[in-house]
Every structure is written in structure tokens, then in C-alpha cells.
């Protein structure tokens, strides 16, 4: 690939985020091949011009850029291990899953062993901004590969924040964990406030009206409250995935000598919601963890 050519991209993982990213890459005119462990989740992308691969190795064989958007570190490492026979040294690997500190260390080691140009590139956003190509990409990686990634990141996001050239240090992953700790805390705060309102017989509209326009109001409160009150928990960010991220946040805190009491309690709250059958619903289903399962 020359500096002016359009990179061929392999997308490994076509869940809520990966499918939207693959679709936007294809719509931007890039050559895109996608693989997913459950092939049926990838197949609809063929209508958007994405080639569907049967194996990770088949997906990456001609790729200049490999974009991984998988559930966690072990899943990502397994997929890249399966892709290894077809990976070419120097291939750019943009790792966009939320994998935690320990998970990222394993991926960085793999990249070093196989001569891959690793970019730590988690994204901020959920289903709607992913579908609209308006994610924020948090990126750390070598200066020399940024040109190749410009059309990739431009297709999936409205903004790329470069955080330095040391991908192996997990700079972007660390920032993503900090941001997610805030997102999950606000989600639980919204869920618990509305659950308490229900328990006390308080009209939730009165709560939302009381904080409207003031320092206690925020768009995220409105968005999650609308899901809970409307009863439509179509996932923008699934509860089971939120539990996984909460546990990664707690583990990162432990590694850094920081107690993450709220995140730890939140992980258990998500776990209760998952056990009640809300694992594939939006993480606003934290609301149901306030009540005994029927």
C-alpha cells in the first residue's frame, strides 16, 4: 500500500459496533472483508458490499489494516491467533475493543511477536453514533501508520484523538476505562433514581422536571431515563457487556492501587440484571436490579 492508496480493511467482530463500522467503511469506498464467530451476524453486511470471510485468516489475507472489535481480550487474542498464518509483517492493527489492561498487554505482546504495527484505538459511542459514523476514536500508535489509518478512522468516526505514539503502553485503553467508569456510574445513578421514584410513589416526570436545565441535568440522564420509562431496551450497549467492562475497570483500579467501590457495586448490579434475563438488553436495565425478580 502506498501513502496515497486506499487501504483494504479486515474487520474482525461484527456485533453492534463492528457491524456499523464495517458498513461505514464500505460506504466510504474502502475494500472491506468481515469475519464474525457467528457468521449469520456478518452476512447482512454483504448487501453493503462487504465480503464475508469464513475464517479470521481468510479475512486478513489481503488486508492492509486489521480492525478488531471483539468482546474482550481473550476473544481478540483467539481471533488474531487464528489469523496469524495469513498476517503479513507490517500490517497495521487497530485494536478497538474494550479489553482492559491485562488483556491489552497480551495483545501488545502478540503484535510484537508477529511484527504488526499496533494502534491502541478504542472508540467512544454506542449504536447510533456507530451507525452514523460519528464515533470518537481514542488512538495511540506510531506516527508512521497514521496516514494509512486516516480514511479508516474518518469513515467510522467524526473525531480522532491521538494520544501519543506508544501503543504498547495502552494509553488509549487506559483513558477508555476512565471514561467508561463515568458512563457506567451515570447509568446506575439514573436507574437507581428512577427505581427509588417508583418505590416511593414519586412521578419520574417530576424528578426530571426538577433538575431540568440545571447543573444536575445532562443529556445522558435524559437518554437512559427515556429508555427505562418507555420500556424499549433495544441495546445501544448491552448489559452483559457493561458488566464485563465494569469488572475490567475494577481490575485496572486494583492494578493501580485504586479502590473502585462504585464500579465494583455496579458490576454486581449489572450481574443481577443479567441473571434476571436482561443481559442482551440495553444497560439501562440496571433499573431492574433494584427489584426482586418476579
C-alpha atoms as a PDB file:
ATOM      1  CA  UNK A   1       0.000   0.000   0.000  1.00  0.00           C
ATOM      2  CA  UNK A   2       1.337   3.421  -0.938  1.00  0.00           C
ATOM      3  CA  UNK A   3       0.695   6.591   1.044  1.00  0.00           C
ATOM      4  CA  UNK A   4      -1.979   7.683  -1.444  1.00  0.00           C
ATOM      5  CA  UNK A   5      -3.721   4.339  -1.942  1.00  0.00           C
ATOM      6  CA  UNK A   6      -6.910   3.265  -0.203  1.00  0.00           C
ATOM      7  CA  UNK A   7      -6.284   0.572   2.397  1.00  0.00           C
ATOM      8  CA  UNK A   8      -8.018  -2.788   2.310  1.00  0.00           C
ATOM      9  CA  UNK A   9      -9.572  -3.369   5.730  1.00  0.00           C
ATOM     10  CA  UNK A  10     -10.405  -6.565   7.589  1.00  0.00           C
ATOM     11  CA  UNK A  11     -12.961  -6.176  10.381  1.00  0.00           C
ATOM     12  CA  UNK A  12     -12.902  -8.952  12.960  1.00  0.00           C
ATOM     13  CA  UNK A  13     -16.071  -8.837  15.070  1.00  0.00           C
ATOM     14  CA  UNK A  14     -19.441  -7.659  13.743  1.00  0.00           C
ATOM     15  CA  UNK A  15     -21.504  -7.029  16.859  1.00  0.00           C
ATOM     16  CA  UNK A  16     -23.325  -3.761  17.488  1.00  0.00           C
ATOM     17  CA  UNK A  17     -20.191  -1.678  16.940  1.00  0.00           C
ATOM     18  CA  UNK A  18     -18.237  -3.777  14.470  1.00  0.00           C
ATOM     19  CA  UNK A  19     -21.102  -4.223  12.020  1.00  0.00           C
ATOM     20  CA  UNK A  20     -21.776  -0.488  11.906  1.00  0.00           C
ATOM     21  CA  UNK A  21     -18.086   0.267  11.466  1.00  0.00           C
ATOM     22  CA  UNK A  22     -17.709  -2.271   8.640  1.00  0.00           C
ATOM     23  CA  UNK A  23     -20.779  -0.855   6.889  1.00  0.00           C
ATOM     24  CA  UNK A  24     -19.456   2.709   7.079  1.00  0.00           C
ATOM     25  CA  UNK A  25     -16.037   1.663   5.834  1.00  0.00           C
ATOM     26  CA  UNK A  26     -17.625   0.051   2.779  1.00  0.00           C
ATOM     27  CA  UNK A  27     -19.855   3.079   2.186  1.00  0.00           C
ATOM     28  CA  UNK A  28     -16.741   5.258   2.230  1.00  0.00           C
ATOM     29  CA  UNK A  29     -15.388   3.261  -0.708  1.00  0.00           C
ATOM     30  CA  UNK A  30     -12.875   1.082   1.119  1.00  0.00           C
ATOM     31  CA  UNK A  31     -12.433  -2.588   0.341  1.00  0.00           C
ATOM     32  CA  UNK A  32     -13.787  -4.370   3.426  1.00  0.00           C
ATOM     33  CA  UNK A  33     -13.773  -8.009   4.489  1.00  0.00           C
ATOM     34  CA  UNK A  34     -15.539  -9.000   7.699  1.00  0.00           C
ATOM     35  CA  UNK A  35     -15.444 -12.048   9.922  1.00  0.00           C
ATOM     36  CA  UNK A  36     -17.558 -12.925  12.925  1.00  0.00           C
ATOM     37  CA  UNK A  37     -17.573 -16.076  15.033  1.00  0.00           C
ATOM     38  CA  UNK A  38     -21.313 -16.384  14.359  1.00  0.00           C
ATOM     39  CA  UNK A  39     -21.344 -15.935  10.597  1.00  0.00           C
ATOM     40  CA  UNK A  40     -25.069 -15.123  10.494  1.00  0.00           C
ATOM     41  CA  UNK A  41     -24.335 -11.814  12.266  1.00  0.00           C
ATOM     42  CA  UNK A  42     -21.908 -10.838   9.494  1.00  0.00           C
ATOM     43  CA  UNK A  43     -23.940 -11.991   6.481  1.00  0.00           C
ATOM     44  CA  UNK A  44     -26.246  -8.914   6.289  1.00  0.00           C
ATOM     45  CA  UNK A  45     -23.163  -6.775   5.590  1.00  0.00           C
ATOM     46  CA  UNK A  46     -22.828  -8.386   2.168  1.00  0.00           C
ATOM     47  CA  UNK A  47     -25.684  -6.139   0.996  1.00  0.00           C
ATOM     48  CA  UNK A  48     -23.421  -3.158   1.729  1.00  0.00           C
ATOM     49  CA  UNK A  49     -20.559  -4.505  -0.346  1.00  0.00           C
ATOM     50  CA  UNK A  50     -18.632  -6.176   2.481  1.00  0.00           C
ATOM     51  CA  UNK A  51     -17.033  -9.507   1.669  1.00  0.00           C
ATOM     52  CA  UNK A  52     -17.803 -12.111   4.349  1.00  0.00           C
ATOM     53  CA  UNK A  53     -14.939 -14.390   5.332  1.00  0.00           C
ATOM     54  CA  UNK A  54     -15.282 -17.848   6.798  1.00  0.00           C
ATOM     55  CA  UNK A  55     -12.169 -17.613   8.977  1.00  0.00           C
ATOM     56  CA  UNK A  56     -10.024 -14.853  10.503  1.00  0.00           C
ATOM     57  CA  UNK A  57      -7.126 -15.930   8.273  1.00  0.00           C
ATOM     58  CA  UNK A  58      -9.276 -15.546   5.161  1.00  0.00           C
ATOM     59  CA  UNK A  59     -10.385 -12.111   6.349  1.00  0.00           C
ATOM     60  CA  UNK A  60      -6.887 -10.682   6.860  1.00  0.00           C
ATOM     61  CA  UNK A  61      -5.083 -12.299   3.932  1.00  0.00           C
ATOM     62  CA  UNK A  62      -5.073  -9.200   1.714  1.00  0.00           C
ATOM     63  CA  UNK A  63      -5.672  -6.576   4.409  1.00  0.00           C
ATOM     64  CA  UNK A  64      -3.517  -3.512   4.905  1.00  0.00           C
ATOM     65  CA  UNK A  65      -5.400  -2.686   8.109  1.00  0.00           C
ATOM     66  CA  UNK A  66      -6.946  -5.144  10.556  1.00  0.00           C
ATOM     67  CA  UNK A  67      -9.640  -3.660  12.794  1.00  0.00           C
ATOM     68  CA  UNK A  68     -10.637  -5.775  15.794  1.00  0.00           C
ATOM     69  CA  UNK A  69     -13.927  -5.003  17.529  1.00  0.00           C
ATOM     70  CA  UNK A  70     -14.374  -8.079  19.698  1.00  0.00           C
ATOM     71  CA  UNK A  71     -15.868  -8.719  23.129  1.00  0.00           C
ATOM     72  CA  UNK A  72     -12.723  -8.874  25.265  1.00  0.00           C
ATOM     73  CA  UNK A  73      -9.007  -9.614  25.332  1.00  0.00           C
ATOM     74  CA  UNK A  74      -9.233 -13.428  25.140  1.00  0.00           C
ATOM     75  CA  UNK A  75     -11.688 -13.292  22.226  1.00  0.00           C
ATOM     76  CA  UNK A  76      -9.438 -10.833  20.389  1.00  0.00           C
ATOM     77  CA  UNK A  77      -6.310 -12.875  21.024  1.00  0.00           C
ATOM     78  CA  UNK A  78      -8.053 -16.044  19.834  1.00  0.00           C
ATOM     79  CA  UNK A  79      -9.191 -14.387  16.602  1.00  0.00           C
ATOM     80  CA  UNK A  80      -5.782 -12.900  15.888  1.00  0.00           C
ATOM     81  CA  UNK A  81      -4.148 -16.221  16.685  1.00  0.00           C
ATOM     82  CA  UNK A  82      -6.385 -17.872  14.091  1.00  0.00           C
ATOM     83  CA  UNK A  83      -5.493 -15.091  11.643  1.00  0.00           C
ATOM     84  CA  UNK A  84      -1.743 -15.365  12.306  1.00  0.00           C
ATOM     85  CA  UNK A  85      -0.831 -17.665   9.377  1.00  0.00           C
ATOM     86  CA  UNK A  86      -2.162 -15.062   6.923  1.00  0.00           C
ATOM     87  CA  UNK A  87      -0.879 -11.910   8.634  1.00  0.00           C
ATOM     88  CA  UNK A  88       1.954 -10.071   6.900  1.00  0.00           C
ATOM     89  CA  UNK A  89       4.651  -8.331   8.968  1.00  0.00           C
ATOM     90  CA  UNK A  90       3.991  -4.599   8.987  1.00  0.00           C
ATOM     91  CA  UNK A  91       0.222  -4.962   8.755  1.00  0.00           C
ATOM     92  CA  UNK A  92      -1.481  -2.171  10.706  1.00  0.00           C
ATOM     93  CA  UNK A  93      -3.633  -3.491  13.541  1.00  0.00           C
ATOM     94  CA  UNK A  94      -6.165  -1.069  15.044  1.00  0.00           C
ATOM     95  CA  UNK A  95      -7.461  -2.675  18.244  1.00  0.00           C
ATOM     96  CA  UNK A  96     -10.831  -1.097  19.041  1.00  0.00           C
ATOM     97  CA  UNK A  97     -12.376  -3.422  21.615  1.00  0.00           C
ATOM     98  CA  UNK A  98     -12.553  -2.670  25.340  1.00  0.00           C
ATOM     99  CA  UNK A  99     -10.112  -5.272  26.609  1.00  0.00           C
ATOM    100  CA  UNK A 100      -8.710  -3.897  29.880  1.00  0.00           C
ATOM    101  CA  UNK A 101      -5.102  -3.534  30.942  1.00  0.00           C
ATOM    102  CA  UNK A 102      -4.212  -7.198  31.266  1.00  0.00           C
ATOM    103  CA  UNK A 103      -5.971  -8.046  28.027  1.00  0.00           C
ATOM    104  CA  UNK A 104      -4.168  -5.293  26.158  1.00  0.00           C
ATOM    105  CA  UNK A 105      -0.783  -6.436  27.433  1.00  0.00           C
ATOM    106  CA  UNK A 106      -1.366  -9.823  25.809  1.00  0.00           C
ATOM    107  CA  UNK A 107      -2.380  -8.216  22.528  1.00  0.00           C
ATOM    108  CA  UNK A 108       0.659  -5.926  22.516  1.00  0.00           C
ATOM    109  CA  UNK A 109       2.897  -8.952  23.047  1.00  0.00           C
ATOM    110  CA  UNK A 110       1.207 -10.744  20.138  1.00  0.00           C
ATOM    111  CA  UNK A 111       1.726  -7.719  17.886  1.00  0.00           C
ATOM    112  CA  UNK A 112       5.407  -7.649  18.774  1.00  0.00           C
ATOM    113  CA  UNK A 113       5.848 -11.347  18.103  1.00  0.00           C
ATOM    114  CA  UNK A 114       4.249 -11.078  14.655  1.00  0.00           C
ATOM    115  CA  UNK A 115       5.751  -7.753  13.556  1.00  0.00           C
ATOM    116  CA  UNK A 116       2.407  -5.921  13.429  1.00  0.00           C
ATOM    117  CA  UNK A 117       2.083  -2.145  13.658  1.00  0.00           C
ATOM    118  CA  UNK A 118      -0.270  -1.950  16.638  1.00  0.00           C
ATOM    119  CA  UNK A 119      -2.532   1.038  17.251  1.00  0.00           C
ATOM    120  CA  UNK A 120      -4.469   1.164  20.517  1.00  0.00           C
ATOM    121  CA  UNK A 121      -7.767   2.560  19.221  1.00  0.00           C
ATOM    122  CA  UNK A 122     -10.849   2.085  21.429  1.00  0.00           C
ATOM    123  CA  UNK A 123     -13.887   4.128  20.448  1.00  0.00           C
ATOM    124  CA  UNK A 124     -16.412   6.238  22.332  1.00  0.00           C
ATOM    125  CA  UNK A 125     -20.043   5.898  21.374  1.00  0.00           C
ATOM    126  CA  UNK A 126     -22.869   3.399  21.187  1.00  0.00           C
ATOM    127  CA  UNK A 127     -25.175   2.046  18.475  1.00  0.00           C
ATOM    128  CA  UNK A 128     -26.481   5.314  16.988  1.00  0.00           C
ATOM    129  CA  UNK A 129     -23.159   7.174  16.647  1.00  0.00           C
ATOM    130  CA  UNK A 130     -21.570   3.960  15.345  1.00  0.00           C
ATOM    131  CA  UNK A 131     -24.266   3.645  12.676  1.00  0.00           C
ATOM    132  CA  UNK A 132     -23.897   7.332  11.778  1.00  0.00           C
ATOM    133  CA  UNK A 133     -20.103   7.153  11.592  1.00  0.00           C
ATOM    134  CA  UNK A 134     -19.818   9.637  14.439  1.00  0.00           C
ATOM    135  CA  UNK A 135     -17.720   7.729  16.957  1.00  0.00           C
ATOM    136  CA  UNK A 136     -14.764   9.316  18.716  1.00  0.00           C
ATOM    137  CA  UNK A 137     -11.598   7.303  18.193  1.00  0.00           C
ATOM    138  CA  UNK A 138      -9.047   7.373  21.003  1.00  0.00           C
ATOM    139  CA  UNK A 139      -5.777   6.391  19.375  1.00  0.00           C
ATOM    140  CA  UNK A 140      -2.166   5.788  20.314  1.00  0.00           C
ATOM    141  CA  UNK A 141       0.303   4.422  17.827  1.00  0.00           C
ATOM    142  CA  UNK A 142       3.378   5.100  15.709  1.00  0.00           C
ATOM    143  CA  UNK A 143       3.437   8.249  13.623  1.00  0.00           C
ATOM    144  CA  UNK A 144       4.303   6.268  10.506  1.00  0.00           C
ATOM    145  CA  UNK A 145       0.967   4.441  10.296  1.00  0.00           C
ATOM    146  CA  UNK A 146      -1.376   7.346  10.903  1.00  0.00           C
ATOM    147  CA  UNK A 147      -1.648   8.219   7.215  1.00  0.00           C
ATOM    148  CA  UNK A 148      -2.877   4.717   6.430  1.00  0.00           C
ATOM    149  CA  UNK A 149      -5.496   4.969   9.160  1.00  0.00           C
ATOM    150  CA  UNK A 150      -6.882   8.380   8.181  1.00  0.00           C
ATOM    151  CA  UNK A 151      -9.555   7.036   5.781  1.00  0.00           C
ATOM    152  CA  UNK A 152     -10.416   4.236   8.211  1.00  0.00           C
ATOM    153  CA  UNK A 153     -10.956   6.450  11.228  1.00  0.00           C
ATOM    154  CA  UNK A 154     -12.669   9.127   9.092  1.00  0.00           C
ATOM    155  CA  UNK A 155     -15.221   6.553   7.931  1.00  0.00           C
ATOM    156  CA  UNK A 156     -16.147   5.331  11.406  1.00  0.00           C
ATOM    157  CA  UNK A 157     -15.777   8.495  13.470  1.00  0.00           C
ATOM    158  CA  UNK A 158     -16.258  12.226  13.495  1.00  0.00           C
ATOM    159  CA  UNK A 159     -13.153  12.801  15.611  1.00  0.00           C
ATOM    160  CA  UNK A 160      -9.842  11.083  16.262  1.00  0.00           C
ATOM    161  CA  UNK A 161      -7.906  11.990  19.401  1.00  0.00           C
ATOM    162  CA  UNK A 162      -4.261  10.960  19.102  1.00  0.00           C
ATOM    163  CA  UNK A 163      -2.690  10.318  22.489  1.00  0.00           C
ATOM    164  CA  UNK A 164       0.911   9.670  21.531  1.00  0.00           C
ATOM    165  CA  UNK A 165       2.936   7.071  19.662  1.00  0.00           C
ATOM    166  CA  UNK A 166       3.314   4.439  22.401  1.00  0.00           C
ATOM    167  CA  UNK A 167       0.590   1.930  21.568  1.00  0.00           C
ATOM    168  CA  UNK A 168       2.181  -0.792  23.676  1.00  0.00           C
ATOM    169  CA  UNK A 169       1.666   1.292  26.816  1.00  0.00           C
ATOM    170  CA  UNK A 170      -2.102   1.121  26.414  1.00  0.00           C
ATOM    171  CA  UNK A 171      -2.556   4.890  26.720  1.00  0.00           C
ATOM    172  CA  UNK A 172      -5.868   4.910  24.859  1.00  0.00           C
ATOM    173  CA  UNK A 173      -7.132   1.808  26.661  1.00  0.00           C
ATOM    174  CA  UNK A 174      -6.432   3.477  29.997  1.00  0.00           C
ATOM    175  CA  UNK A 175      -8.386   6.591  29.009  1.00  0.00           C
ATOM    176  CA  UNK A 176     -11.272   4.441  27.724  1.00  0.00           C
ATOM    177  CA  UNK A 177     -11.526   2.701  31.108  1.00  0.00           C
ATOM    178  CA  UNK A 178     -11.657   6.064  32.896  1.00  0.00           C
ATOM    179  CA  UNK A 179     -14.405   7.303  30.565  1.00  0.00           C
ATOM    180  CA  UNK A 180     -16.369   4.061  30.874  1.00  0.00           C
ATOM    181  CA  UNK A 181     -16.211   4.282  34.663  1.00  0.00           C
ATOM    182  CA  UNK A 182     -18.061   7.583  34.390  1.00  0.00           C
ATOM    183  CA  UNK A 183     -20.573   6.305  31.810  1.00  0.00           C
ATOM    184  CA  UNK A 184     -21.464   3.267  33.911  1.00  0.00           C
ATOM    185  CA  UNK A 185     -21.765   5.332  37.094  1.00  0.00           C
ATOM    186  CA  UNK A 186     -24.210   7.735  35.401  1.00  0.00           C
ATOM    187  CA  UNK A 187     -26.196   4.799  34.025  1.00  0.00           C
ATOM    188  CA  UNK A 188     -26.576   3.291  37.504  1.00  0.00           C
ATOM    189  CA  UNK A 189     -27.375   6.690  39.005  1.00  0.00           C
ATOM    190  CA  UNK A 190     -30.196   7.189  36.537  1.00  0.00           C
ATOM    191  CA  UNK A 191     -31.507   3.657  37.046  1.00  0.00           C
ATOM    192  CA  UNK A 192     -31.453   3.874  40.842  1.00  0.00           C
ATOM    193  CA  UNK A 193     -33.079   7.318  40.955  1.00  0.00           C
ATOM    194  CA  UNK A 194     -35.959   6.116  38.789  1.00  0.00           C
ATOM    195  CA  UNK A 195     -36.261   2.890  40.782  1.00  0.00           C
ATOM    196  CA  UNK A 196     -36.446   4.863  44.029  1.00  0.00           C
ATOM    197  CA  UNK A 197     -39.053   7.152  42.485  1.00  0.00           C
ATOM    198  CA  UNK A 198     -41.151   4.101  41.647  1.00  0.00           C
ATOM    199  CA  UNK A 199     -40.720   2.684  45.140  1.00  0.00           C
ATOM    200  CA  UNK A 200     -41.680   5.952  46.821  1.00  0.00           C
ATOM    201  CA  UNK A 201     -44.568   6.683  44.508  1.00  0.00           C
ATOM    202  CA  UNK A 202     -42.860   9.740  43.005  1.00  0.00           C
ATOM    203  CA  UNK A 203     -43.771  10.704  39.450  1.00  0.00           C
ATOM    204  CA  UNK A 204     -40.484  10.337  37.489  1.00  0.00           C
ATOM    205  CA  UNK A 205     -41.540  13.275  35.332  1.00  0.00           C
ATOM    206  CA  UNK A 206     -41.398  15.410  38.469  1.00  0.00           C
ATOM    207  CA  UNK A 207     -37.807  14.354  39.118  1.00  0.00           C
ATOM    208  CA  UNK A 208     -36.754  15.116  35.538  1.00  0.00           C
ATOM    209  CA  UNK A 209     -38.571  18.457  35.590  1.00  0.00           C
ATOM    210  CA  UNK A 210     -36.949  19.461  38.888  1.00  0.00           C
ATOM    211  CA  UNK A 211     -33.402  19.043  37.526  1.00  0.00           C
ATOM    212  CA  UNK A 212     -34.140  20.355  34.027  1.00  0.00           C
ATOM    213  CA  UNK A 213     -31.657  22.913  32.766  1.00  0.00           C
ATOM    214  CA  UNK A 214     -29.601  22.950  35.957  1.00  0.00           C
ATOM    215  CA  UNK A 215     -26.193  21.530  36.862  1.00  0.00           C
ATOM    216  CA  UNK A 216     -27.770  18.153  37.774  1.00  0.00           C
ATOM    217  CA  UNK A 217     -29.264  17.741  34.304  1.00  0.00           C
ATOM    218  CA  UNK A 218     -27.453  16.053  31.411  1.00  0.00           C
ATOM    219  CA  UNK A 219     -28.195  14.505  28.061  1.00  0.00           C
ATOM    220  CA  UNK A 220     -27.181  11.037  29.193  1.00  0.00           C
ATOM    221  CA  UNK A 221     -29.686  11.145  32.081  1.00  0.00           C
ATOM    222  CA  UNK A 222     -32.408  12.034  29.582  1.00  0.00           C
ATOM    223  CA  UNK A 223     -31.417   9.311  27.138  1.00  0.00           C
ATOM    224  CA  UNK A 224     -31.293   6.478  29.675  1.00  0.00           C
ATOM    225  CA  UNK A 225     -34.404   7.689  31.510  1.00  0.00           C
ATOM    226  CA  UNK A 226     -36.313   7.650  28.212  1.00  0.00           C
ATOM    227  CA  UNK A 227     -35.333   4.020  27.635  1.00  0.00           C
ATOM    228  CA  UNK A 228     -36.388   2.959  31.129  1.00  0.00           C
ATOM    229  CA  UNK A 229     -39.652   4.889  31.178  1.00  0.00           C
ATOM    230  CA  UNK A 230     -40.503   3.936  27.602  1.00  0.00           C
ATOM    231  CA  UNK A 231     -39.814   0.260  28.209  1.00  0.00           C
ATOM    232  CA  UNK A 232     -37.782  -0.087  24.998  1.00  0.00           C
ATOM    233  CA  UNK A 233     -34.410  -1.511  25.960  1.00  0.00           C
ATOM    234  CA  UNK A 234     -33.126  -2.223  22.471  1.00  0.00           C
ATOM    235  CA  UNK A 235     -29.405  -2.297  23.216  1.00  0.00           C
ATOM    236  CA  UNK A 236     -27.106   0.576  22.393  1.00  0.00           C
ATOM    237  CA  UNK A 237     -24.736  -1.023  24.896  1.00  0.00           C
ATOM    238  CA  UNK A 238     -25.727  -4.415  26.262  1.00  0.00           C
ATOM    239  CA  UNK A 239     -25.954  -5.138  29.985  1.00  0.00           C
ATOM    240  CA  UNK A 240     -23.708  -8.200  29.771  1.00  0.00           C
ATOM    241  CA  UNK A 241     -21.028  -6.142  28.025  1.00  0.00           C
ATOM    242  CA  UNK A 242     -21.396  -3.398  30.635  1.00  0.00           C
ATOM    243  CA  UNK A 243     -20.799  -5.963  33.384  1.00  0.00           C
ATOM    244  CA  UNK A 244     -17.647  -7.097  31.598  1.00  0.00           C
ATOM    245  CA  UNK A 245     -16.400  -3.516  31.302  1.00  0.00           C
ATOM    246  CA  UNK A 246     -17.175  -2.794  34.951  1.00  0.00           C
ATOM    247  CA  UNK A 247     -15.041  -5.750  36.013  1.00  0.00           C
ATOM    248  CA  UNK A 248     -12.204  -4.564  33.766  1.00  0.00           C
ATOM    249  CA  UNK A 249     -12.419  -1.150  35.460  1.00  0.00           C
ATOM    250  CA  UNK A 250     -12.244  -2.731  38.923  1.00  0.00           C
ATOM    251  CA  UNK A 251      -9.261  -4.856  37.851  1.00  0.00           C
ATOM    252  CA  UNK A 252      -7.472  -1.802  36.445  1.00  0.00           C
ATOM    253  CA  UNK A 253      -8.053   0.032  39.702  1.00  0.00           C
ATOM    254  CA  UNK A 254      -6.647  -2.871  41.694  1.00  0.00           C
ATOM    255  CA  UNK A 255      -3.567  -2.920  39.478  1.00  0.00           C
ATOM    256  CA  UNK A 256      -3.107   0.805  40.089  1.00  0.00           C
ATOM    257  CA  UNK A 257      -3.796   0.613  43.837  1.00  0.00           C
ATOM    258  CA  UNK A 258      -7.114   2.456  43.463  1.00  0.00           C
ATOM    259  CA  UNK A 259     -10.320   1.210  45.081  1.00  0.00           C
ATOM    260  CA  UNK A 260     -13.241   1.363  42.661  1.00  0.00           C
ATOM    261  CA  UNK A 261     -16.102   0.794  45.088  1.00  0.00           C
ATOM    262  CA  UNK A 262     -18.834   2.218  42.848  1.00  0.00           C
ATOM    263  CA  UNK A 263     -17.652   0.258  39.821  1.00  0.00           C
ATOM    264  CA  UNK A 264     -17.480  -2.943  41.883  1.00  0.00           C
ATOM    265  CA  UNK A 265     -21.017  -2.468  43.194  1.00  0.00           C
ATOM    266  CA  UNK A 266     -22.133  -1.586  39.681  1.00  0.00           C
ATOM    267  CA  UNK A 267     -20.677  -4.807  38.293  1.00  0.00           C
ATOM    268  CA  UNK A 268     -22.770  -6.788  40.765  1.00  0.00           C
ATOM    269  CA  UNK A 269     -25.816  -4.712  39.863  1.00  0.00           C
ATOM    270  CA  UNK A 270     -25.349  -5.492  36.169  1.00  0.00           C
ATOM    271  CA  UNK A 271     -24.852  -9.145  37.100  1.00  0.00           C
ATOM    272  CA  UNK A 272     -28.226  -9.234  38.861  1.00  0.00           C
ATOM    273  CA  UNK A 273     -29.878  -7.729  35.800  1.00  0.00           C
ATOM    274  CA  UNK A 274     -28.201 -10.332  33.581  1.00  0.00           C
ATOM    275  CA  UNK A 275     -29.436 -13.119  35.850  1.00  0.00           C
ATOM    276  CA  UNK A 276     -32.951 -11.676  35.572  1.00  0.00           C
ATOM    277  CA  UNK A 277     -32.747 -12.120  31.791  1.00  0.00           C
ATOM    278  CA  UNK A 278     -31.697  -8.609  30.745  1.00  0.00           C
ATOM    279  CA  UNK A 279     -28.186  -9.438  29.521  1.00  0.00           C
ATOM    280  CA  UNK A 280     -28.851  -8.624  25.859  1.00  0.00           C
ATOM    281  CA  UNK A 281     -30.906  -5.521  26.626  1.00  0.00           C
ATOM    282  CA  UNK A 282     -29.542  -2.009  26.999  1.00  0.00           C
ATOM    283  CA  UNK A 283     -27.512  -1.451  30.159  1.00  0.00           C
ATOM    284  CA  UNK A 284     -30.278   0.859  31.379  1.00  0.00           C
ATOM    285  CA  UNK A 285     -31.716  -2.489  32.509  1.00  0.00           C
ATOM    286  CA  UNK A 286     -29.666  -1.802  35.639  1.00  0.00           C
ATOM    287  CA  UNK A 287     -33.032  -0.372  36.724  1.00  0.00           C
ATOM    288  CA  UNK A 288     -34.439  -3.878  37.207  1.00  0.00           C
ATOM    289  CA  UNK A 289     -31.616  -4.842  39.561  1.00  0.00           C
ATOM    290  CA  UNK A 290     -33.308  -2.633  42.158  1.00  0.00           C
ATOM    291  CA  UNK A 291     -36.213  -5.059  42.414  1.00  0.00           C
ATOM    292  CA  UNK A 292     -36.525  -8.736  43.216  1.00  0.00           C
ATOM    293  CA  UNK A 293     -37.074 -10.831  40.109  1.00  0.00           C
ATOM    294  CA  UNK A 294     -40.711 -11.929  39.769  1.00  0.00           C
END
